[in-house]
Amino acid sequence: MKRGSAGAILLLVSGIHAFCQLPATSLSFEVADVKVNKSGEARMAVDFQGGGKLSMRNVPMRVLIMFAYHVRAEGVEGWPSWFESDRFDVVAKAAQTTAPDDLRRMLQTVLAERFKLLVHTDQKIMPAYALVVGKSGPKLQPSEVAILMEQRCDPAAGTAGLRHVVCHHLTMAVLADTLQELSPRDFDVPVVDQTGLKGTYDFKLDWAPPIRLDAASPDAVGGMTVFDAVEAQLGLKLERKKLPLPIIVIEHVERVPGDN
């Protein structure tokens, strides 16, 4: 389950390359309910895990588009002025085995049908972290492909002061996204999978979060950042560079959703 602000929404585009209203490969939820949220509350909630369910409460259009097209705010151009002020609820359901990228495409369909969203993609050179294979080679245990609810990282017990997670059935693309969710303070730009590794993997990861430490803490945590841990424990490396990343350009969107 994922709850939180726009900063927790994932970071890379899986978009399309021509003007469109419906996605190039149009996928639809079994059921999708869209409503204007007039609560006036600031807090939003996003649930996107387990059984093909998607629930987004009190979410601005900005976040809906970021989520649907898997992009940061700086990866979208052409925002109307109401994209932050107006809030919406989207509750939808697909088959239990629906892949995360397909759920995003289904949300693209909802936005196209209910809000008449019209977009195209372009490219823009932006800072990013490239996830690549380290000199020692990957240290990952191959696993079987699993349904969405089993593709996850869970907290684990370990040394005080460190973050400990055990991850199951992750692709490298999902790992790139997950790193940003596990340690958002470490990643101010997208992480892009450039490992070339296919399949899914199991692994453990332990690192020291970027927090203010007292005098006794350095001995406990050992100073291993998430960047150090990815290289030492997974055999991968994070390299900061400028990459041509896809961006979404908004051509048209209606402020009031159509009928369900």
Protein backbone atom coordinates (compact mmCIF):
# COMPACT_ATOMS: atom_id res chain seq x y z
CA MET A 1 0.00 0.00 0.00
CA LYS A 2 1.27 3.43 -0.87
CA ARG A 3 -0.07 6.58 0.76
CA GLY A 4 1.21 10.12 0.65
CA SER A 5 1.93 13.25 -1.26
CA ALA A 6 2.97 13.84 -4.83
CA GLY A 7 6.59 13.24 -3.79
CA ALA A 8 5.79 9.57 -3.33
CA ILE A 9 4.39 9.15 -6.79
CA LEU A 10 6.70 7.26 -9.06
CA LEU A 11 9.08 8.94 -11.45
CA LEU A 12 9.53 7.77 -15.05
CA VAL A 13 7.35 8.04 -18.14
CA SER A 14 5.94 4.96 -19.86
CA GLY A 15 4.18 7.13 -22.40
CA ILE A 16 3.27 7.23 -26.08
CA HIS A 17 4.91 9.06 -28.96
CA ALA A 18 2.10 10.68 -30.95
CA PHE A 19 -0.87 12.94 -30.36
CA CYS A 20 -3.61 10.88 -28.81
CA GLN A 21 -6.75 10.90 -26.75
CA LEU A 22 -6.91 7.24 -25.81
CA PRO A 23 -3.61 5.41 -25.17
CA ALA A 24 -2.13 3.69 -28.21
CA THR A 25 -2.95 0.33 -26.59
CA SER A 26 -6.20 1.12 -24.83
CA LEU A 27 -6.79 -0.89 -21.64
CA SER A 28 -9.76 -0.38 -19.35
CA PHE A 29 -10.62 -1.10 -15.74
CA GLU A 30 -13.48 -3.47 -15.03
CA VAL A 31 -15.03 -0.70 -12.93
CA ALA A 32 -13.92 2.93 -12.52
CA ASP A 33 -15.62 5.66 -10.51
CA VAL A 34 -14.45 9.28 -10.83
CA LYS A 35 -15.78 12.12 -8.67
CA VAL A 36 -14.87 15.69 -7.79
CA ASN A 37 -13.65 15.91 -4.18
CA LYS A 38 -14.92 19.06 -2.42
CA SER A 39 -13.71 18.22 1.09
CA GLY A 40 -11.21 21.08 1.15
CA GLU A 41 -8.63 18.87 2.89
CA ALA A 42 -4.95 19.09 1.98
CA ARG A 43 -4.08 15.44 2.61
CA MET A 44 -4.35 12.94 -0.24
CA ALA A 45 -4.16 9.14 -0.29
CA VAL A 46 -3.05 6.72 -3.01
CA ASP A 47 -3.48 2.94 -2.68
CA PHE A 48 -1.91 0.99 -5.52
CA GLN A 49 -1.20 -2.58 -4.52
CA GLY A 50 -3.00 -5.89 -4.34
CA GLY A 51 -5.75 -7.45 -6.39
CA GLY A 52 -5.66 -4.97 -9.25
CA LYS A 53 -7.22 -2.24 -7.09
CA LEU A 54 -6.54 1.47 -7.46
CA SER A 55 -7.82 4.07 -5.01
CA MET A 56 -6.85 7.74 -5.23
CA ARG A 57 -8.57 10.11 -2.79
CA ASN A 58 -8.48 13.93 -2.81
CA VAL A 59 -5.84 13.92 -5.57
CA PRO A 60 -5.18 16.89 -7.90
CA MET A 61 -5.09 16.39 -11.66
CA ARG A 62 -1.35 17.02 -11.52
CA VAL A 63 -0.85 13.84 -9.48
CA LEU A 64 -3.32 11.82 -11.58
CA ILE A 65 -1.29 12.56 -14.70
CA MET A 66 2.05 12.03 -12.95
CA PHE A 67 0.82 8.65 -11.75
CA ALA A 68 -0.80 7.58 -15.03
CA TYR A 69 2.26 8.43 -17.12
CA HIS A 70 4.86 7.55 -14.47
CA VAL A 71 6.56 10.94 -14.43
CA ARG A 72 7.75 13.64 -12.01
CA ALA A 73 6.23 17.11 -12.03
CA GLU A 74 9.17 18.45 -14.05
CA GLY A 75 8.39 15.82 -16.69
CA VAL A 76 5.04 17.44 -17.59
CA GLU A 77 4.53 20.65 -19.55
CA GLY A 78 1.37 22.66 -20.22
CA TRP A 79 -0.25 22.61 -16.75
CA PRO A 80 -3.52 24.60 -16.53
CA SER A 81 -3.82 26.83 -13.44
CA TRP A 82 -6.38 24.55 -11.73
CA PHE A 83 -4.20 21.41 -11.83
CA GLU A 84 -3.23 21.81 -8.17
CA SER A 85 -6.37 23.38 -6.70
CA ASP A 86 -9.06 21.00 -8.02
CA ARG A 87 -9.18 17.58 -6.33
CA PHE A 88 -10.65 14.25 -7.46
CA ASP A 89 -11.41 10.72 -6.22
CA VAL A 90 -10.70 7.76 -8.51
CA VAL A 91 -11.62 4.25 -7.38
CA ALA A 92 -11.11 1.46 -9.91
CA LYS A 93 -10.61 -2.28 -10.16
CA ALA A 94 -8.94 -4.60 -12.66
CA ALA A 95 -8.07 -8.30 -12.70
CA GLN A 96 -5.96 -9.44 -9.72
CA THR A 97 -2.99 -10.30 -11.94
CA THR A 98 -2.90 -6.93 -13.76
CA ALA A 99 0.66 -5.63 -14.06
CA PRO A 100 1.53 -2.17 -12.64
CA ASP A 101 2.22 -0.68 -16.08
CA ASP A 102 -1.17 -1.92 -17.29
CA LEU A 103 -2.89 -0.26 -14.33
CA ARG A 104 -1.22 2.98 -15.35
CA ARG A 105 -2.43 2.55 -18.94
CA MET A 106 -5.93 1.91 -17.61
CA LEU A 107 -5.74 5.18 -15.69
CA GLN A 108 -4.62 6.88 -18.92
CA THR A 109 -7.83 5.55 -20.49
CA VAL A 110 -9.90 6.92 -17.60
CA LEU A 111 -8.33 10.36 -18.00
CA ALA A 112 -8.90 10.31 -21.76
CA GLU A 113 -12.54 9.22 -21.44
CA ARG A 114 -13.66 11.25 -18.42
CA PHE A 115 -11.50 14.39 -18.81
CA LYS A 116 -10.86 14.30 -22.58
CA LEU A 117 -7.14 14.44 -21.83
CA LEU A 118 -5.05 14.91 -24.96
CA VAL A 119 -1.25 14.61 -24.71
CA HIS A 120 1.85 13.86 -26.67
CA THR A 121 5.36 12.99 -25.56
CA ASP A 122 8.66 14.69 -26.25
CA GLN A 123 12.16 14.37 -24.82
CA LYS A 124 14.12 16.69 -22.55
CA ILE A 125 17.67 16.43 -21.20
CA MET A 126 17.33 16.23 -17.40
CA PRO A 127 19.47 15.11 -14.45
CA ALA A 128 18.95 11.48 -13.42
CA TYR A 129 20.61 8.52 -11.75
CA ALA A 130 21.43 5.65 -14.10
CA LEU A 131 21.18 2.23 -12.42
CA VAL A 132 23.92 0.12 -14.02
CA VAL A 133 25.75 -3.14 -13.33
CA GLY A 134 28.83 -2.66 -11.12
CA LYS A 135 32.35 -3.91 -11.87
CA SER A 136 31.87 -7.03 -9.75
CA GLY A 137 28.67 -8.03 -11.54
CA PRO A 138 25.15 -8.36 -10.09
CA LYS A 139 24.61 -10.05 -6.71
CA LEU A 140 20.93 -10.88 -7.16
CA GLN A 141 18.99 -14.10 -6.68
CA PRO A 142 16.71 -14.83 -9.69
CA SER A 143 13.06 -15.44 -8.75
CA GLU A 144 9.85 -16.49 -10.41
CA VAL A 145 7.50 -13.94 -11.93
CA ALA A 146 4.80 -13.00 -9.41
CA ILE A 147 1.51 -11.12 -9.31
CA LEU A 148 1.51 -7.45 -8.32
CA MET A 149 0.79 -7.96 -4.62
CA GLU A 150 3.89 -10.18 -4.31
CA GLN A 151 6.26 -7.72 -6.02
CA ARG A 152 7.35 -5.77 -2.98
CA CYS A 153 9.96 -4.81 -0.41
CA ASP A 154 9.16 -5.48 3.26
CA PRO A 155 10.87 -4.09 6.37
CA ALA A 156 13.22 -6.52 8.11
CA ALA A 157 14.94 -6.70 11.50
CA GLY A 158 18.55 -5.61 11.81
CA THR A 159 21.06 -3.21 13.38
CA ALA A 160 19.56 -0.15 15.02
CA GLY A 161 20.00 2.99 12.93
CA LEU A 162 19.93 1.17 9.60
CA ARG A 163 17.09 0.64 7.15
CA HIS A 164 16.57 -3.05 6.37
CA VAL A 165 14.36 -4.38 3.59
CA VAL A 166 13.80 -7.76 1.96
CA CYS A 167 12.60 -7.51 -1.65
CA HIS A 168 10.84 -10.21 -3.65
CA HIS A 169 10.19 -10.64 -7.38
CA LEU A 170 11.45 -7.20 -8.46
CA THR A 171 12.45 -6.33 -12.01
CA MET A 172 15.25 -3.81 -12.40
CA ALA A 173 12.77 -1.17 -13.59
CA VAL A 174 10.68 -1.70 -10.44
CA LEU A 175 13.86 -1.60 -8.34
CA ALA A 176 14.72 1.81 -9.84
CA ASP A 177 11.30 3.10 -8.77
CA THR A 178 11.43 1.36 -5.39
CA LEU A 179 14.77 2.88 -4.43
CA GLN A 180 13.21 6.31 -4.68
CA GLU A 181 10.29 5.27 -2.49
CA LEU A 182 12.48 3.56 0.11
CA SER A 183 14.83 6.52 0.51
CA PRO A 184 13.19 9.61 -1.04
CA ARG A 185 15.60 12.04 0.67
CA ASP A 186 18.49 10.49 -1.27
CA PHE A 187 16.95 10.90 -4.71
CA ASP A 188 16.06 14.37 -5.95
CA VAL A 189 15.99 13.20 -9.59
CA PRO A 190 14.65 10.06 -11.36
CA VAL A 191 16.41 6.69 -11.27
CA VAL A 192 16.56 5.03 -14.69
CA ASP A 193 17.23 1.32 -15.18
CA GLN A 194 20.17 0.87 -17.55
CA THR A 195 21.35 -2.50 -16.24
CA GLY A 196 20.11 -4.51 -19.22
CA LEU A 197 19.11 -7.26 -16.75
CA LYS A 198 15.89 -9.10 -17.52
CA GLY A 199 13.69 -11.17 -15.23
CA THR A 200 12.80 -10.75 -11.55
CA TYR A 201 15.01 -11.02 -8.46
CA ASP A 202 15.03 -11.45 -4.67
CA PHE A 203 17.52 -9.57 -2.49
CA LYS A 204 18.15 -7.80 0.83
CA LEU A 205 19.30 -4.23 1.26
CA ASP A 206 20.60 -2.42 4.37
CA TRP A 207 21.71 1.21 4.53
CA ALA A 208 21.92 4.29 6.74
CA PRO A 209 19.15 6.81 5.99
CA PRO A 210 20.20 10.46 5.51
CA ILE A 211 19.26 11.76 8.95
CA ARG A 212 21.08 13.86 11.51
CA LEU A 213 23.17 11.54 13.66
CA ASP A 214 24.26 12.01 17.25
CA ALA A 215 27.82 11.30 18.40
CA ALA A 216 27.14 7.60 19.05
CA SER A 217 25.35 6.85 15.78
CA PRO A 218 28.24 6.64 13.26
CA ASP A 219 29.62 3.52 14.94
CA ALA A 220 26.20 1.86 14.75
CA VAL A 221 25.33 2.65 11.13
CA GLY A 222 28.80 2.42 9.60
CA GLY A 223 28.08 5.33 7.25
CA MET A 224 26.83 3.13 4.39
CA THR A 225 24.53 5.22 2.22
CA VAL A 226 21.92 3.72 -0.08
CA PHE A 227 24.37 4.32 -2.95
CA ASP A 228 27.09 2.35 -1.15
CA ALA A 229 24.64 -0.42 -0.28
CA VAL A 230 23.36 -0.83 -3.85
CA GLU A 231 26.95 -1.31 -5.05
CA ALA A 232 28.26 -3.48 -2.19
CA GLN A 233 25.18 -5.64 -1.62
CA LEU A 234 23.51 -5.81 -5.05
CA GLY A 235 26.50 -5.47 -7.38
CA LEU A 236 24.84 -2.48 -9.06
CA LYS A 237 25.81 1.18 -9.24
CA LEU A 238 24.02 4.53 -9.33
CA GLU A 239 25.67 7.07 -11.63
CA ARG A 240 24.40 10.65 -11.74
CA LYS A 241 24.27 12.05 -15.25
CA LYS A 242 22.08 13.96 -17.69
CA LEU A 243 19.82 11.74 -19.79
CA PRO A 244 17.23 12.35 -22.50
CA LEU A 245 14.02 11.54 -20.62
CA PRO A 246 10.49 11.46 -22.03
CA ILE A 247 8.15 14.24 -20.97
CA ILE A 248 4.38 14.63 -21.28
CA VAL A 249 3.01 17.70 -23.06
CA ILE A 250 -0.64 18.47 -22.30
CA GLU A 251 -2.64 19.60 -25.31
CA HIS A 252 -6.16 19.57 -23.86
CA VAL A 253 -7.94 18.56 -20.67
CA GLU A 254 -11.41 19.35 -19.33
CA ARG A 255 -11.89 20.54 -15.77
CA VAL A 256 -15.12 18.65 -14.97
CA PRO A 257 -15.15 14.85 -15.42
CA GLY A 258 -17.76 13.20 -17.59
CA ASP A 259 -20.39 10.85 -16.17
CA ASN A 260 -19.32 7.47 -14.78
